[in-house]
Amino acid sequence: MKYLIITWLDEKAWASLSEAEQQQLMAKCAPHIEKLVGSGKFLSGAPLHESSAGVTVRLREGKRLVTDGPFAETREQIGGYTLVDAKDRDEAIQIASGFLVPGTIAILEVRQVEEFNPAPARPKTRGATAKRSAKLATIVLATLSMGAGARQAATSPSLCRFFSNYDAVSNTGVPLSFWERLAYSLAMTRASVTAQ
């Protein structure tokens, strides 16, 4: 399971530290990060710029509203994040605890990430496209070889199958190949010429 460790930080207290003190605190976490990376538990993580450099984006009365930070009247702001792979909440807490080194001024919030699995897109393979193109080409050839009568063209089972097949294919959201578009154009041209 994925867990997000959110680092809450008193930005004023952090800014009051010298650069050497900041580097020293960060260096204390390095062995823990290396251990997590080595075990495959570390998925991603980074510090964030100060909250005054951020913005909030919201919708108000149907219009986008962008507000410069900071956003909340709290002592701590979000200072960074770490995304980890943990078997359960207890392991995620144990991982987060490894970041709490002596002298730290951070508070860590541990939240499980809700797994989001959108419906997989229908794969488009060359084989499927080729089969579809061949089928449509066969229908077009049958349509082109029909008699010249407008009534025959309008009621031809081949033409009806072609249009229903084309509609079914084009409504799936899968882009039609060059050959499929050509087949459709030829059939439409043949149908309009025959109807005249």
N, C-alpha and C. Protein backbone atom coordinates (compact mmCIF):
# COMPACT_ATOMS: atom_id res chain seq x y z
N MET A 1 0.84 -1.19 0.00
CA MET A 1 0.00 0.00 0.00
C MET A 1 0.88 1.24 0.00
N LYS A 2 0.35 2.29 -0.60
CA LYS A 2 1.10 3.54 -0.64
C LYS A 2 0.63 4.45 0.50
N TYR A 3 1.61 5.09 1.13
CA TYR A 3 1.33 6.06 2.18
C TYR A 3 2.07 7.35 1.88
N LEU A 4 1.40 8.46 2.13
CA LEU A 4 2.01 9.77 1.95
C LEU A 4 2.36 10.31 3.33
N ILE A 5 3.62 10.66 3.50
CA ILE A 5 4.07 11.29 4.74
C ILE A 5 4.20 12.77 4.44
N ILE A 6 3.35 13.56 5.06
CA ILE A 6 3.33 15.00 4.83
C ILE A 6 4.14 15.66 5.96
N THR A 7 5.11 16.45 5.57
CA THR A 7 5.97 17.13 6.55
C THR A 7 5.40 18.52 6.84
N TRP A 8 4.96 18.71 8.06
CA TRP A 8 4.49 20.03 8.50
C TRP A 8 5.66 20.71 9.19
N LEU A 9 5.88 21.97 8.85
CA LEU A 9 7.08 22.65 9.29
C LEU A 9 6.75 24.09 9.68
N ASP A 10 7.32 24.54 10.77
CA ASP A 10 7.23 25.95 11.15
C ASP A 10 8.26 26.69 10.30
N GLU A 11 7.78 27.35 9.25
CA GLU A 11 8.70 27.99 8.30
C GLU A 11 9.56 29.07 8.94
N LYS A 12 9.00 29.79 9.91
CA LYS A 12 9.78 30.84 10.57
C LYS A 12 10.92 30.22 11.39
N ALA A 13 10.61 29.12 12.08
CA ALA A 13 11.64 28.45 12.87
C ALA A 13 12.71 27.88 11.94
N TRP A 14 12.29 27.31 10.80
CA TRP A 14 13.25 26.76 9.84
C TRP A 14 14.13 27.87 9.26
N ALA A 15 13.52 29.00 8.92
CA ALA A 15 14.26 30.13 8.34
C ALA A 15 15.23 30.74 9.34
N SER A 16 14.93 30.61 10.63
CA SER A 16 15.82 31.18 11.64
C SER A 16 17.10 30.36 11.83
N LEU A 17 17.10 29.12 11.31
CA LEU A 17 18.30 28.29 11.39
C LEU A 17 19.30 28.74 10.32
N SER A 18 20.56 28.58 10.63
CA SER A 18 21.58 28.90 9.61
C SER A 18 21.53 27.82 8.54
N GLU A 19 22.12 28.11 7.38
CA GLU A 19 22.16 27.12 6.31
C GLU A 19 22.89 25.86 6.75
N ALA A 20 23.94 26.03 7.55
CA ALA A 20 24.70 24.88 8.06
C ALA A 20 23.82 24.02 8.98
N GLU A 21 23.00 24.66 9.81
CA GLU A 21 22.11 23.92 10.71
C GLU A 21 21.03 23.17 9.90
N GLN A 22 20.51 23.83 8.87
CA GLN A 22 19.53 23.18 8.02
C GLN A 22 20.13 21.96 7.33
N GLN A 23 21.34 22.11 6.77
CA GLN A 23 22.02 21.00 6.11
C GLN A 23 22.30 19.86 7.08
N GLN A 24 22.67 20.20 8.31
CA GLN A 24 22.97 19.19 9.33
C GLN A 24 21.73 18.36 9.65
N LEU A 25 20.58 19.04 9.80
CA LEU A 25 19.33 18.33 10.08
C LEU A 25 18.95 17.41 8.92
N MET A 26 19.10 17.92 7.70
CA MET A 26 18.77 17.11 6.53
C MET A 26 19.72 15.92 6.39
N ALA A 27 20.98 16.12 6.72
CA ALA A 27 21.97 15.04 6.62
C ALA A 27 21.65 13.91 7.59
N LYS A 28 21.04 14.25 8.73
CA LYS A 28 20.69 13.22 9.71
C LYS A 28 19.64 12.26 9.15
N CYS A 29 18.83 12.72 8.18
CA CYS A 29 17.79 11.88 7.57
C CYS A 29 18.33 11.03 6.42
N ALA A 30 19.50 11.38 5.91
CA ALA A 30 20.05 10.70 4.72
C ALA A 30 20.16 9.19 4.89
N PRO A 31 20.69 8.67 6.03
CA PRO A 31 20.79 7.21 6.15
C PRO A 31 19.42 6.52 6.09
N HIS A 32 18.41 7.16 6.68
CA HIS A 32 17.06 6.58 6.66
C HIS A 32 16.53 6.53 5.23
N ILE A 33 16.76 7.60 4.46
CA ILE A 33 16.31 7.65 3.06
C ILE A 33 17.04 6.58 2.25
N GLU A 34 18.35 6.46 2.45
CA GLU A 34 19.13 5.45 1.72
C GLU A 34 18.62 4.04 2.02
N LYS A 35 18.26 3.78 3.27
CA LYS A 35 17.72 2.48 3.66
C LYS A 35 16.39 2.22 2.96
N LEU A 36 15.52 3.24 2.90
CA LEU A 36 14.22 3.10 2.24
C LEU A 36 14.39 2.89 0.74
N VAL A 37 15.31 3.60 0.14
CA VAL A 37 15.57 3.45 -1.30
C VAL A 37 16.07 2.03 -1.57
N GLY A 38 17.01 1.57 -0.73
CA GLY A 38 17.57 0.23 -0.90
C GLY A 38 16.54 -0.88 -0.76
N SER A 39 15.54 -0.67 0.08
CA SER A 39 14.51 -1.69 0.29
C SER A 39 13.34 -1.55 -0.67
N GLY A 40 13.36 -0.50 -1.51
CA GLY A 40 12.27 -0.28 -2.46
C GLY A 40 11.04 0.34 -1.84
N LYS A 41 11.15 0.81 -0.61
CA LYS A 41 9.99 1.40 0.07
C LYS A 41 9.82 2.88 -0.27
N PHE A 42 10.91 3.55 -0.66
CA PHE A 42 10.85 4.96 -1.03
C PHE A 42 10.38 5.08 -2.47
N LEU A 43 9.25 5.73 -2.69
CA LEU A 43 8.70 5.88 -4.04
C LEU A 43 8.97 7.27 -4.60
N SER A 44 8.89 8.29 -3.75
CA SER A 44 9.09 9.65 -4.20
C SER A 44 9.12 10.56 -2.97
N GLY A 45 9.71 11.71 -3.13
CA GLY A 45 9.72 12.66 -2.03
C GLY A 45 10.52 13.89 -2.37
N ALA A 46 10.17 15.01 -1.75
CA ALA A 46 10.89 16.25 -2.00
C ALA A 46 10.43 17.31 -1.01
N PRO A 47 11.34 18.24 -0.70
CA PRO A 47 10.89 19.41 0.08
C PRO A 47 10.13 20.35 -0.84
N LEU A 48 9.34 21.22 -0.26
CA LEU A 48 8.58 22.20 -1.04
C LEU A 48 9.13 23.60 -0.78
N HIS A 49 8.93 24.50 -1.74
CA HIS A 49 9.27 25.90 -1.52
C HIS A 49 8.34 26.46 -0.44
N GLU A 50 8.69 27.60 0.11
CA GLU A 50 7.89 28.19 1.19
C GLU A 50 6.46 28.45 0.73
N SER A 51 5.53 28.43 1.68
CA SER A 51 4.11 28.55 1.34
C SER A 51 3.78 29.89 0.71
N SER A 52 4.57 30.93 0.98
CA SER A 52 4.28 32.24 0.38
C SER A 52 4.49 32.22 -1.14
N ALA A 53 5.22 31.22 -1.65
CA ALA A 53 5.45 31.11 -3.10
C ALA A 53 4.36 30.30 -3.80
N GLY A 54 3.46 29.70 -3.04
CA GLY A 54 2.41 28.87 -3.62
C GLY A 54 1.15 29.65 -3.92
N VAL A 55 0.21 28.98 -4.57
CA VAL A 55 -1.10 29.56 -4.86
C VAL A 55 -2.17 28.51 -4.59
N THR A 56 -3.38 28.98 -4.32
CA THR A 56 -4.53 28.08 -4.28
C THR A 56 -5.37 28.37 -5.51
N VAL A 57 -5.99 27.34 -6.03
CA VAL A 57 -6.87 27.48 -7.19
C VAL A 57 -8.22 26.91 -6.79
N ARG A 58 -9.27 27.69 -6.95
CA ARG A 58 -10.62 27.22 -6.61
C ARG A 58 -11.62 27.76 -7.62
N LEU A 59 -12.82 27.22 -7.59
CA LEU A 59 -13.89 27.68 -8.47
C LEU A 59 -14.88 28.46 -7.63
N ARG A 60 -15.13 29.71 -8.01
CA ARG A 60 -16.10 30.52 -7.28
C ARG A 60 -17.03 31.17 -8.27
N GLU A 61 -18.32 30.88 -8.15
CA GLU A 61 -19.35 31.41 -9.05
C GLU A 61 -19.02 31.11 -10.51
N GLY A 62 -18.52 29.88 -10.75
CA GLY A 62 -18.23 29.43 -12.10
C GLY A 62 -16.94 29.96 -12.69
N LYS A 63 -16.18 30.74 -11.92
CA LYS A 63 -14.92 31.30 -12.42
C LYS A 63 -13.76 30.81 -11.57
N ARG A 64 -12.61 30.66 -12.25
CA ARG A 64 -11.40 30.23 -11.55
C ARG A 64 -10.87 31.38 -10.70
N LEU A 65 -10.55 31.08 -9.45
CA LEU A 65 -9.99 32.08 -8.54
C LEU A 65 -8.64 31.58 -8.08
N VAL A 66 -7.61 32.37 -8.32
CA VAL A 66 -6.25 32.02 -7.92
C VAL A 66 -5.83 32.99 -6.83
N THR A 67 -5.41 32.43 -5.68
CA THR A 67 -5.00 33.25 -4.54
C THR A 67 -3.57 32.93 -4.17
N ASP A 68 -2.76 33.97 -3.98
CA ASP A 68 -1.38 33.76 -3.55
C ASP A 68 -1.36 33.29 -2.10
N GLY A 69 -0.32 32.46 -1.75
CA GLY A 69 -0.18 31.95 -0.39
C GLY A 69 0.46 32.98 0.51
N PRO A 70 0.61 32.72 1.81
CA PRO A 70 0.19 31.50 2.51
C PRO A 70 -1.32 31.44 2.66
N PHE A 71 -1.82 30.26 2.97
CA PHE A 71 -3.26 30.02 2.87
C PHE A 71 -3.99 29.91 4.19
N ALA A 72 -3.29 29.53 5.23
CA ALA A 72 -3.98 29.30 6.50
C ALA A 72 -3.21 29.99 7.61
N GLU A 73 -3.95 30.42 8.59
CA GLU A 73 -3.34 31.06 9.76
C GLU A 73 -2.93 29.98 10.75
N THR A 74 -1.96 29.19 10.36
CA THR A 74 -1.46 28.14 11.24
C THR A 74 0.02 28.35 11.47
N ARG A 75 0.52 27.77 12.52
CA ARG A 75 1.94 27.92 12.83
C ARG A 75 2.79 27.09 11.87
N GLU A 76 2.27 25.90 11.50
CA GLU A 76 3.03 25.03 10.60
C GLU A 76 2.44 25.07 9.19
N GLN A 77 3.33 24.90 8.21
CA GLN A 77 2.94 24.81 6.82
C GLN A 77 3.50 23.50 6.27
N ILE A 78 2.94 23.07 5.14
CA ILE A 78 3.45 21.85 4.52
C ILE A 78 4.82 22.17 3.94
N GLY A 79 5.83 21.44 4.38
CA GLY A 79 7.20 21.71 3.97
C GLY A 79 7.75 20.69 2.99
N GLY A 80 7.08 19.54 2.86
CA GLY A 80 7.57 18.52 1.95
C GLY A 80 6.69 17.28 2.02
N TYR A 81 7.05 16.29 1.25
CA TYR A 81 6.30 15.05 1.24
C TYR A 81 7.22 13.88 0.95
N THR A 82 6.79 12.71 1.37
CA THR A 82 7.49 11.47 1.05
C THR A 82 6.42 10.43 0.75
N LEU A 83 6.53 9.77 -0.40
CA LEU A 83 5.60 8.72 -0.78
C LEU A 83 6.33 7.39 -0.58
N VAL A 84 5.73 6.52 0.24
CA VAL A 84 6.38 5.25 0.56
C VAL A 84 5.45 4.08 0.30
N ASP A 85 6.05 2.92 0.19
CA ASP A 85 5.31 1.67 0.04
C ASP A 85 5.43 0.94 1.37
N ALA A 86 4.31 0.71 2.03
CA ALA A 86 4.32 0.04 3.33
C ALA A 86 3.24 -1.03 3.35
N LYS A 87 3.48 -2.10 4.10
CA LYS A 87 2.50 -3.20 4.13
C LYS A 87 1.24 -2.81 4.88
N ASP A 88 1.36 -1.86 5.84
CA ASP A 88 0.20 -1.42 6.60
C ASP A 88 0.50 -0.08 7.28
N ARG A 89 -0.47 0.41 8.04
CA ARG A 89 -0.35 1.71 8.71
C ARG A 89 0.80 1.72 9.72
N ASP A 90 0.95 0.63 10.46
CA ASP A 90 2.01 0.56 11.47
C ASP A 90 3.39 0.70 10.83
N GLU A 91 3.59 0.03 9.69
CA GLU A 91 4.89 0.15 9.03
C GLU A 91 5.09 1.56 8.50
N ALA A 92 4.02 2.20 8.00
CA ALA A 92 4.12 3.57 7.51
C ALA A 92 4.51 4.51 8.66
N ILE A 93 3.94 4.29 9.84
CA ILE A 93 4.28 5.11 11.02
C ILE A 93 5.74 4.88 11.41
N GLN A 94 6.17 3.63 11.35
CA GLN A 94 7.56 3.31 11.67
C GLN A 94 8.51 4.00 10.69
N ILE A 95 8.15 3.99 9.40
CA ILE A 95 8.97 4.67 8.39
C ILE A 95 9.02 6.17 8.68
N ALA A 96 7.86 6.77 8.98
CA ALA A 96 7.80 8.20 9.27
C ALA A 96 8.64 8.54 10.50
N SER A 97 8.61 7.68 11.49
CA SER A 97 9.37 7.93 12.72
C SER A 97 10.86 8.03 12.46
N GLY A 98 11.35 7.35 11.44
CA GLY A 98 12.77 7.41 11.10
C GLY A 98 13.22 8.80 10.67
N PHE A 99 12.28 9.66 10.28
CA PHE A 99 12.63 11.03 9.89
C PHE A 99 12.70 11.97 11.09
N LEU A 100 12.19 11.52 12.22
CA LEU A 100 12.18 12.37 13.41
C LEU A 100 13.50 12.21 14.17
N VAL A 101 14.48 12.96 13.73
CA VAL A 101 15.82 12.91 14.31
C VAL A 101 15.93 13.96 15.40
N PRO A 102 16.91 13.83 16.31
CA PRO A 102 17.08 14.86 17.36
C PRO A 102 17.27 16.24 16.73
N GLY A 103 16.54 17.21 17.27
CA GLY A 103 16.64 18.58 16.77
C GLY A 103 15.63 18.91 15.69
N THR A 104 14.84 17.93 15.27
CA THR A 104 13.87 18.19 14.21
C THR A 104 12.80 19.17 14.68
N ILE A 105 12.32 19.98 13.73
CA ILE A 105 11.24 20.92 14.05
C ILE A 105 9.99 20.58 13.24
N ALA A 106 9.97 19.39 12.68
CA ALA A 106 8.85 18.99 11.81
C ALA A 106 7.86 18.11 12.55
N ILE A 107 6.63 18.15 12.05
CA ILE A 107 5.57 17.24 12.48
C ILE A 107 5.20 16.45 11.23
N LEU A 108 5.04 15.15 11.37
CA LEU A 108 4.75 14.31 10.22
C LEU A 108 3.33 13.77 10.28
N GLU A 109 2.62 13.91 9.18
CA GLU A 109 1.27 13.36 9.04
C GLU A 109 1.35 12.19 8.07
N VAL A 110 0.78 11.05 8.47
CA VAL A 110 0.83 9.83 7.65
C VAL A 110 -0.58 9.56 7.14
N ARG A 111 -0.72 9.49 5.81
CA ARG A 111 -2.03 9.24 5.20
C ARG A 111 -1.91 8.17 4.14
N GLN A 112 -2.83 7.21 4.16
CA GLN A 112 -2.84 6.18 3.12
C GLN A 112 -3.35 6.80 1.82
N VAL A 113 -2.72 6.43 0.73
CA VAL A 113 -3.12 6.92 -0.59
C VAL A 113 -4.23 6.02 -1.12
N GLU A 114 -5.31 6.62 -1.53
CA GLU A 114 -6.42 5.87 -2.12
C GLU A 114 -6.01 5.46 -3.52
N GLU A 115 -5.98 4.17 -3.77
CA GLU A 115 -5.58 3.68 -5.09
C GLU A 115 -6.68 4.00 -6.10
N PHE A 116 -6.30 4.63 -7.18
CA PHE A 116 -7.24 5.02 -8.23
C PHE A 116 -6.91 4.25 -9.48
N ASN A 117 -7.82 3.41 -9.92
CA ASN A 117 -7.60 2.59 -11.11
C ASN A 117 -8.66 2.91 -12.15
N PRO A 118 -8.37 3.87 -13.03
CA PRO A 118 -9.36 4.17 -14.08
C PRO A 118 -9.50 2.99 -15.02
N ALA A 119 -10.64 2.94 -15.69
CA ALA A 119 -10.87 1.85 -16.65
C ALA A 119 -9.77 1.87 -17.69
N PRO A 120 -9.17 0.73 -17.96
CA PRO A 120 -8.08 0.72 -18.93
C PRO A 120 -8.59 1.05 -20.33
N ALA A 121 -7.77 1.81 -21.04
CA ALA A 121 -8.13 2.16 -22.42
C ALA A 121 -8.03 0.92 -23.29
N ARG A 122 -8.94 0.83 -24.24
CA ARG A 122 -8.91 -0.32 -25.14
C ARG A 122 -7.66 -0.25 -26.00
N PRO A 123 -6.80 -1.25 -25.90
CA PRO A 123 -5.56 -1.18 -26.69
C PRO A 123 -5.86 -1.24 -28.19
N LYS A 124 -5.15 -0.43 -28.92
CA LYS A 124 -5.31 -0.42 -30.37
C LYS A 124 -4.08 -1.11 -30.95
N THR A 125 -4.29 -2.26 -31.53
CA THR A 125 -3.18 -2.99 -32.11
C THR A 125 -3.25 -2.91 -33.62
N ARG A 126 -2.13 -3.07 -34.24
CA ARG A 126 -2.10 -3.05 -35.70
C ARG A 126 -2.94 -4.17 -36.28
N GLY A 127 -2.91 -5.34 -35.62
CA GLY A 127 -3.68 -6.48 -36.10
C GLY A 127 -5.17 -6.18 -36.12
N ALA A 128 -5.68 -5.57 -35.03
CA ALA A 128 -7.11 -5.26 -34.96
C ALA A 128 -7.48 -4.22 -36.01
N THR A 129 -6.62 -3.22 -36.18
CA THR A 129 -6.88 -2.19 -37.18
C THR A 129 -6.88 -2.79 -38.57
N ALA A 130 -5.92 -3.67 -38.84
CA ALA A 130 -5.83 -4.30 -40.17
C ALA A 130 -7.08 -5.13 -40.46
N LYS A 131 -7.55 -5.90 -39.47
CA LYS A 131 -8.76 -6.71 -39.65
C LYS A 131 -9.97 -5.83 -39.92
N ARG A 132 -10.08 -4.75 -39.14
CA ARG A 132 -11.21 -3.84 -39.31
C ARG A 132 -11.15 -3.20 -40.69
N SER A 133 -9.95 -2.77 -41.11
CA SER A 133 -9.79 -2.14 -42.43
C SER A 133 -10.15 -3.11 -43.54
N ALA A 134 -9.70 -4.38 -43.41
CA ALA A 134 -9.99 -5.38 -44.44
C ALA A 134 -11.49 -5.62 -44.54
N LYS A 135 -12.17 -5.69 -43.39
CA LYS A 135 -13.61 -5.92 -43.39
C LYS A 135 -14.34 -4.76 -44.06
N LEU A 136 -13.94 -3.53 -43.72
CA LEU A 136 -14.58 -2.37 -44.33
C LEU A 136 -14.29 -2.30 -45.82
N ALA A 137 -13.06 -2.63 -46.21
CA ALA A 137 -12.70 -2.61 -47.64
C ALA A 137 -13.54 -3.62 -48.41
N THR A 138 -13.78 -4.80 -47.83
CA THR A 138 -14.61 -5.82 -48.47
C THR A 138 -16.03 -5.31 -48.67
N ILE A 139 -16.56 -4.65 -47.67
CA ILE A 139 -17.92 -4.10 -47.77
C ILE A 139 -17.98 -3.03 -48.84
N VAL A 140 -16.93 -2.18 -48.89
CA VAL A 140 -16.91 -1.12 -49.90
C VAL A 140 -16.86 -1.71 -51.29
N LEU A 141 -16.01 -2.73 -51.48
CA LEU A 141 -15.92 -3.36 -52.80
C LEU A 141 -17.27 -3.96 -53.21
N ALA A 142 -17.95 -4.57 -52.26
CA ALA A 142 -19.27 -5.13 -52.55
C ALA A 142 -20.24 -4.01 -52.92
N THR A 143 -20.13 -2.89 -52.19
CA THR A 143 -21.00 -1.75 -52.46
C THR A 143 -20.72 -1.17 -53.83
N LEU A 144 -19.44 -1.04 -54.19
CA LEU A 144 -19.06 -0.46 -55.48
C LEU A 144 -19.49 -1.33 -56.66
N SER A 145 -19.61 -2.64 -56.43
CA SER A 145 -19.98 -3.54 -57.52
C SER A 145 -21.48 -3.70 -57.66
N MET A 146 -22.26 -2.96 -56.85
CA MET A 146 -23.71 -3.07 -56.93
C MET A 146 -24.22 -2.48 -58.23
N GLY A 147 -25.47 -2.80 -58.55
CA GLY A 147 -26.12 -2.24 -59.73
C GLY A 147 -26.29 -0.74 -59.59
N ALA A 148 -26.70 -0.09 -60.67
CA ALA A 148 -26.77 1.36 -60.70
C ALA A 148 -28.06 1.93 -60.14
N GLY A 149 -29.05 1.12 -59.87
CA GLY A 149 -30.35 1.65 -59.44
C GLY A 149 -30.28 2.29 -58.06
N ALA A 150 -30.90 3.46 -57.94
CA ALA A 150 -30.89 4.18 -56.67
C ALA A 150 -31.57 3.37 -55.57
N ARG A 151 -32.66 2.69 -55.94
CA ARG A 151 -33.39 1.90 -54.96
C ARG A 151 -32.51 0.76 -54.45
N GLN A 152 -31.78 0.12 -55.35
CA GLN A 152 -30.90 -0.99 -54.97
C GLN A 152 -29.78 -0.49 -54.05
N ALA A 153 -29.20 0.67 -54.38
CA ALA A 153 -28.11 1.22 -53.57
C ALA A 153 -28.61 1.58 -52.17
N ALA A 154 -29.80 2.16 -52.14
CA ALA A 154 -30.32 2.61 -50.84
C ALA A 154 -30.70 1.45 -49.94
N THR A 155 -31.12 0.32 -50.54
CA THR A 155 -31.59 -0.80 -49.73
C THR A 155 -30.60 -1.96 -49.67
N SER A 156 -29.43 -1.79 -50.25
CA SER A 156 -28.44 -2.86 -50.29
C SER A 156 -28.04 -3.31 -48.88
N PRO A 157 -28.10 -4.63 -48.60
CA PRO A 157 -27.65 -5.12 -47.30
C PRO A 157 -26.17 -4.80 -47.06
N SER A 158 -25.35 -4.84 -48.12
CA SER A 158 -23.92 -4.53 -47.97
C SER A 158 -23.73 -3.10 -47.50
N LEU A 159 -24.49 -2.17 -48.10
CA LEU A 159 -24.35 -0.76 -47.74
C LEU A 159 -24.86 -0.53 -46.31
N CYS A 160 -25.98 -1.16 -45.97
CA CYS A 160 -26.52 -1.03 -44.61
C CYS A 160 -25.53 -1.57 -43.58
N ARG A 161 -24.93 -2.74 -43.89
CA ARG A 161 -23.94 -3.33 -42.96
C ARG A 161 -22.73 -2.40 -42.83
N PHE A 162 -22.33 -1.83 -43.99
CA PHE A 162 -21.17 -0.94 -43.96
C PHE A 162 -21.42 0.25 -43.04
N PHE A 163 -22.58 0.91 -43.22
CA PHE A 163 -22.84 2.10 -42.41
C PHE A 163 -23.00 1.75 -40.92
N SER A 164 -23.65 0.63 -40.61
CA SER A 164 -23.80 0.27 -39.20
C SER A 164 -22.44 -0.11 -38.61
N ASN A 165 -21.60 -0.78 -39.40
CA ASN A 165 -20.25 -1.13 -38.95
C ASN A 165 -19.44 0.15 -38.73
N TYR A 166 -19.52 1.07 -39.70
CA TYR A 166 -18.76 2.32 -39.58
C TYR A 166 -19.20 3.10 -38.35
N ASP A 167 -20.53 3.20 -38.14
CA ASP A 167 -21.04 3.94 -36.98
C ASP A 167 -20.56 3.31 -35.69
N ALA A 168 -20.58 1.96 -35.62
CA ALA A 168 -20.14 1.27 -34.41
C ALA A 168 -18.67 1.54 -34.15
N VAL A 169 -17.87 1.51 -35.21
CA VAL A 169 -16.43 1.73 -35.05
C VAL A 169 -16.14 3.17 -34.69
N SER A 170 -16.77 4.12 -35.39
CA SER A 170 -16.44 5.53 -35.17
C SER A 170 -16.94 6.02 -33.81
N ASN A 171 -17.95 5.36 -33.22
CA ASN A 171 -18.48 5.79 -31.93
C ASN A 171 -17.70 5.23 -30.75
N THR A 172 -16.72 4.37 -31.00
CA THR A 172 -15.94 3.80 -29.89
C THR A 172 -14.88 4.76 -29.40
N GLY A 173 -14.61 5.82 -30.16
CA GLY A 173 -13.57 6.75 -29.78
C GLY A 173 -12.19 6.34 -30.27
N VAL A 174 -12.10 5.18 -30.93
CA VAL A 174 -10.83 4.74 -31.51
C VAL A 174 -10.67 5.43 -32.84
N PRO A 175 -9.56 6.13 -33.06
CA PRO A 175 -9.38 6.82 -34.34
C PRO A 175 -9.40 5.84 -35.51
N LEU A 176 -10.05 6.23 -36.58
CA LEU A 176 -10.12 5.39 -37.77
C LEU A 176 -8.85 5.55 -38.58
N SER A 177 -8.42 4.47 -39.19
CA SER A 177 -7.21 4.52 -40.01
C SER A 177 -7.50 5.22 -41.33
N PHE A 178 -6.44 5.51 -42.06
CA PHE A 178 -6.56 6.11 -43.39
C PHE A 178 -7.45 5.26 -44.28
N TRP A 179 -7.23 3.93 -44.26
CA TRP A 179 -7.99 3.03 -45.13
C TRP A 179 -9.46 2.98 -44.75
N GLU A 180 -9.74 3.07 -43.47
CA GLU A 180 -11.15 3.07 -43.05
C GLU A 180 -11.85 4.35 -43.50
N ARG A 181 -11.16 5.48 -43.36
CA ARG A 181 -11.74 6.75 -43.82
C ARG A 181 -11.94 6.73 -45.33
N LEU A 182 -10.97 6.16 -46.07
CA LEU A 182 -11.08 6.05 -47.52
C LEU A 182 -12.26 5.17 -47.90
N ALA A 183 -12.41 4.04 -47.22
CA ALA A 183 -13.52 3.13 -47.50
C ALA A 183 -14.86 3.83 -47.30
N TYR A 184 -14.97 4.58 -46.23
CA TYR A 184 -16.20 5.31 -45.95
C TYR A 184 -16.47 6.35 -47.06
N SER A 185 -15.42 7.08 -47.44
CA SER A 185 -15.58 8.10 -48.49
C SER A 185 -16.02 7.48 -49.81
N LEU A 186 -15.41 6.36 -50.18
CA LEU A 186 -15.78 5.68 -51.42
C LEU A 186 -17.24 5.24 -51.39
N ALA A 187 -17.65 4.66 -50.28
CA ALA A 187 -19.04 4.19 -50.18
C ALA A 187 -20.01 5.35 -50.25
N MET A 188 -19.69 6.46 -49.58
CA MET A 188 -20.56 7.64 -49.61
C MET A 188 -20.64 8.19 -51.04
N THR A 189 -19.50 8.24 -51.72
CA THR A 189 -19.49 8.74 -53.10
C THR A 189 -20.33 7.83 -53.99
N ARG A 190 -20.15 6.53 -53.85
CA ARG A 190 -20.89 5.56 -54.66
C ARG A 190 -22.39 5.69 -54.39
N ALA A 191 -22.75 5.82 -53.14
CA ALA A 191 -24.18 5.92 -52.79
C ALA A 191 -24.80 7.18 -53.38
N SER A 192 -24.04 8.32 -53.33
CA SER A 192 -24.61 9.56 -53.85
C SER A 192 -24.69 9.56 -55.38
N VAL A 193 -23.69 8.95 -56.05
CA VAL A 193 -23.71 8.86 -57.52
C VAL A 193 -24.85 7.95 -57.97
N THR A 194 -25.03 6.84 -57.26
CA THR A 194 -26.08 5.87 -57.63
C THR A 194 -27.47 6.49 -57.42
N ALA A 195 -27.59 7.33 -56.39
CA ALA A 195 -28.90 7.92 -56.08
C ALA A 195 -29.31 8.99 -57.10
N GLN A 196 -28.38 9.50 -57.90
CA GLN A 196 -28.71 10.57 -58.86
C GLN A 196 -29.37 10.08 -60.11
